[in-house]
Amino acid sequence: MSLTAIEPGLLLAAPSLGDSNFEGSVVLLGVHDDDGSLGWTVNGEVVDEAATIVRATGLVKPSEPLPAGFSRQALRGGPVSPETVWILYRRQPGDDAVPGSITVGDEIGVTATAEALAMLVGGRGPAEFRLLAGYAGWGPGQLARELAEGAWLPAAADAPLLFEGEASTLWR
């Protein structure tokens, strides 16, 4: 199986994976090259309300109102660097460019820049987004080996599935 055939895409953790960090996980694969792979668990456990996390960054005063999208729960995006905040968003024609974005297909983008977070806090940019804490990473050749062993089941990246469905039932 060629990795380029599944990128961009979703990786569903097979029951045989045997890694408690990813049991029942759906990972959005965003980058794969000779240096390794980068993705985000899109159905991870709840970390906190997105508003609480954004307020902890100091970008927003405690009493300052936030756009409606920050009322959602922030999820664990992976076991690597759980202190980082990633923005998973639905790309729409005509949206302002979101700084530092990794595009995943036509409708999905991911970024971790402070500028992008400030943009969302200011009510600009994509209306549909989720905050993820941390990411999933693989060293050179690691993901290819895991795929060959059947530890991950590839699927197409689907924006409606990611943004209109319930994250907790995504794997099922």
Protein backbone atom coordinates (compact mmCIF):
# COMPACT_ATOMS: atom_id res chain seq x y z
CA MET A 1 0.00 0.00 0.00
CA SER A 2 1.33 3.41 -0.92
CA LEU A 3 1.09 6.05 1.80
CA THR A 4 0.47 8.73 -0.81
CA ALA A 5 -2.74 6.88 -1.66
CA ILE A 6 -4.11 7.57 1.83
CA GLU A 7 -2.74 11.06 2.34
CA PRO A 8 -4.61 13.19 3.14
CA GLY A 9 -6.90 10.91 4.99
CA LEU A 10 -8.08 9.30 8.13
CA LEU A 11 -6.38 6.45 9.92
CA LEU A 12 -8.62 4.24 12.04
CA ALA A 13 -6.80 2.38 14.79
CA ALA A 14 -7.26 -1.33 14.28
CA PRO A 15 -7.99 -3.35 17.42
CA SER A 16 -4.64 -5.08 16.85
CA LEU A 17 -2.67 -1.81 17.20
CA GLY A 18 -2.01 -2.53 20.87
CA ASP A 19 -1.23 1.06 21.86
CA SER A 20 -3.40 2.48 24.64
CA ASN A 21 -2.72 6.01 23.35
CA PHE A 22 -4.69 5.19 20.20
CA GLU A 23 -7.28 2.59 21.18
CA GLY A 24 -10.50 3.42 19.28
CA SER A 25 -8.84 6.45 17.68
CA VAL A 26 -9.42 8.17 14.38
CA VAL A 27 -6.37 10.15 13.28
CA LEU A 28 -6.36 12.79 10.58
CA LEU A 29 -3.08 12.30 8.72
CA GLY A 30 -1.81 15.68 7.55
CA VAL A 31 1.85 15.22 6.70
CA HIS A 32 3.89 12.24 5.55
CA ASP A 33 7.38 12.47 4.14
CA ASP A 34 10.85 10.98 4.55
CA ASP A 35 11.19 12.67 7.95
CA GLY A 36 8.08 11.04 9.40
CA SER A 37 4.36 11.67 9.73
CA LEU A 38 2.11 14.10 11.56
CA GLY A 39 -1.55 13.76 12.43
CA TRP A 40 -4.19 14.58 15.01
CA THR A 41 -6.60 12.36 16.88
CA VAL A 42 -9.99 13.82 15.98
CA ASN A 43 -12.01 11.78 18.45
CA GLY A 44 -9.78 12.11 21.51
CA GLU A 45 -10.97 12.53 25.06
CA VAL A 46 -12.23 15.92 26.23
CA VAL A 47 -9.48 18.11 27.67
CA ASP A 48 -11.52 21.18 28.63
CA GLU A 49 -13.84 23.74 27.10
CA ALA A 50 -12.14 25.54 24.21
CA ALA A 51 -12.87 28.91 25.85
CA THR A 52 -10.99 27.86 28.99
CA ILE A 53 -7.95 26.86 26.95
CA VAL A 54 -7.94 30.08 24.93
CA ARG A 55 -8.27 32.20 28.05
CA ALA A 56 -5.28 30.33 29.54
CA THR A 57 -3.14 31.53 26.61
CA GLY A 58 -3.62 35.15 27.71
CA LEU A 59 -4.98 36.16 24.29
CA VAL A 60 -8.34 36.98 25.85
CA LYS A 61 -9.25 38.69 29.10
CA PRO A 62 -11.40 36.60 31.46
CA SER A 63 -14.42 38.85 30.93
CA GLU A 64 -14.02 39.27 27.16
CA PRO A 65 -16.68 37.48 25.10
CA LEU A 66 -15.61 34.83 22.60
CA PRO A 67 -17.22 33.75 19.31
CA ALA A 68 -19.68 30.86 19.55
CA GLY A 69 -17.19 28.25 18.28
CA PHE A 70 -15.29 28.44 21.56
CA SER A 71 -18.21 26.90 23.47
CA ARG A 72 -17.19 23.47 22.12
CA GLN A 73 -15.00 21.05 24.02
CA ALA A 74 -11.30 20.87 23.18
CA LEU A 75 -10.11 17.33 22.54
CA ARG A 76 -6.85 15.47 23.03
CA GLY A 77 -5.19 15.57 19.61
CA GLY A 78 -2.47 13.09 20.49
CA PRO A 79 0.12 12.09 23.03
CA VAL A 80 2.91 14.32 21.67
CA SER A 81 3.30 17.85 23.11
CA PRO A 82 -0.10 17.98 24.86
CA GLU A 83 0.58 21.62 25.79
CA THR A 84 0.30 22.69 22.13
CA VAL A 85 -3.01 23.93 20.75
CA TRP A 86 -3.95 22.95 17.22
CA ILE A 87 -6.92 24.35 15.31
CA LEU A 88 -8.73 21.88 13.07
CA TYR A 89 -11.04 23.83 10.78
CA ARG A 90 -13.31 23.49 7.79
CA ARG A 91 -12.04 25.43 4.81
CA GLN A 92 -14.62 27.40 2.85
CA PRO A 93 -14.24 29.33 -0.40
CA GLY A 94 -13.74 33.00 0.41
CA ASP A 95 -12.45 32.43 3.97
CA ASP A 96 -9.53 34.55 5.04
CA ALA A 97 -6.23 32.71 4.72
CA VAL A 98 -5.42 31.07 8.05
CA PRO A 99 -1.73 31.55 8.96
CA GLY A 100 0.51 28.49 9.08
CA SER A 101 -2.09 26.07 7.74
CA ILE A 102 -1.55 22.51 6.65
CA THR A 103 -4.27 21.71 4.15
CA VAL A 104 -5.77 18.26 4.16
CA GLY A 105 -7.81 17.83 1.02
CA ASP A 106 -10.10 20.57 -0.24
CA GLU A 107 -12.09 21.24 2.92
CA ILE A 108 -9.86 20.64 5.94
CA GLY A 109 -7.08 22.73 7.42
CA VAL A 110 -4.96 22.51 10.57
CA THR A 111 -2.72 25.12 12.16
CA ALA A 112 -1.07 25.84 15.48
CA THR A 113 -0.06 29.48 15.09
CA ALA A 114 -0.85 32.17 17.64
CA GLU A 115 -1.89 34.41 14.72
CA ALA A 116 -4.54 31.92 13.65
CA LEU A 117 -5.87 31.62 17.20
CA ALA A 118 -6.01 35.42 17.52
CA MET A 119 -7.87 35.53 14.21
CA LEU A 120 -10.54 33.14 15.52
CA VAL A 121 -10.79 34.97 18.84
CA GLY A 122 -11.42 38.15 16.84
CA GLY A 123 -14.32 36.50 15.00
CA ARG A 124 -12.47 36.23 11.68
CA GLY A 125 -11.69 33.13 9.70
CA PRO A 126 -13.47 29.81 9.56
CA ALA A 127 -16.75 29.42 11.42
CA GLU A 128 -16.35 25.67 11.91
CA PHE A 129 -13.36 24.65 14.00
CA ARG A 130 -12.25 22.47 16.88
CA LEU A 131 -9.31 22.87 19.23
CA LEU A 132 -7.01 19.90 19.73
CA ALA A 133 -4.34 19.59 22.42
CA GLY A 134 -1.24 17.79 21.19
CA TYR A 135 -0.65 15.70 18.10
CA ALA A 136 0.32 12.25 16.87
CA GLY A 137 3.74 11.76 15.33
CA TRP A 138 5.68 8.93 13.72
CA GLY A 139 9.39 8.73 12.98
CA PRO A 140 10.78 7.90 9.53
CA GLY A 141 9.28 4.64 8.26
CA GLN A 142 7.29 4.01 11.46
CA LEU A 143 3.83 4.64 10.00
CA ALA A 144 4.63 2.59 6.89
CA ARG A 145 5.57 -0.37 9.13
CA GLU A 146 2.40 0.01 11.21
CA LEU A 147 0.26 0.14 8.07
CA ALA A 148 1.98 -2.98 6.68
CA GLU A 149 1.23 -4.75 9.98
CA GLY A 150 -2.46 -3.83 9.68
CA ALA A 151 -2.41 -1.59 12.76
CA TRP A 152 -4.17 1.27 10.94
CA LEU A 153 -7.08 1.16 8.52
CA PRO A 154 -7.03 4.04 6.00
CA ALA A 155 -10.18 5.95 5.06
CA ALA A 156 -10.91 9.10 3.08
CA ALA A 157 -10.84 12.45 4.90
CA ASP A 158 -14.39 13.75 5.02
CA ALA A 159 -15.15 17.26 6.32
CA PRO A 160 -18.85 16.63 7.04
CA LEU A 161 -17.90 13.57 9.08
CA LEU A 162 -15.37 15.59 11.11
CA PHE A 163 -17.44 18.71 11.66
CA GLU A 164 -21.07 17.60 11.60
CA GLY A 165 -20.79 14.31 13.46
CA GLU A 166 -20.19 13.56 17.09
CA ALA A 167 -16.47 13.03 17.76
CA SER A 168 -17.08 10.37 20.42
CA THR A 169 -18.82 8.05 17.94
CA LEU A 170 -16.50 8.67 14.97
CA TRP A 171 -14.49 5.44 15.26
CA ARG A 172 -17.62 3.28 15.38
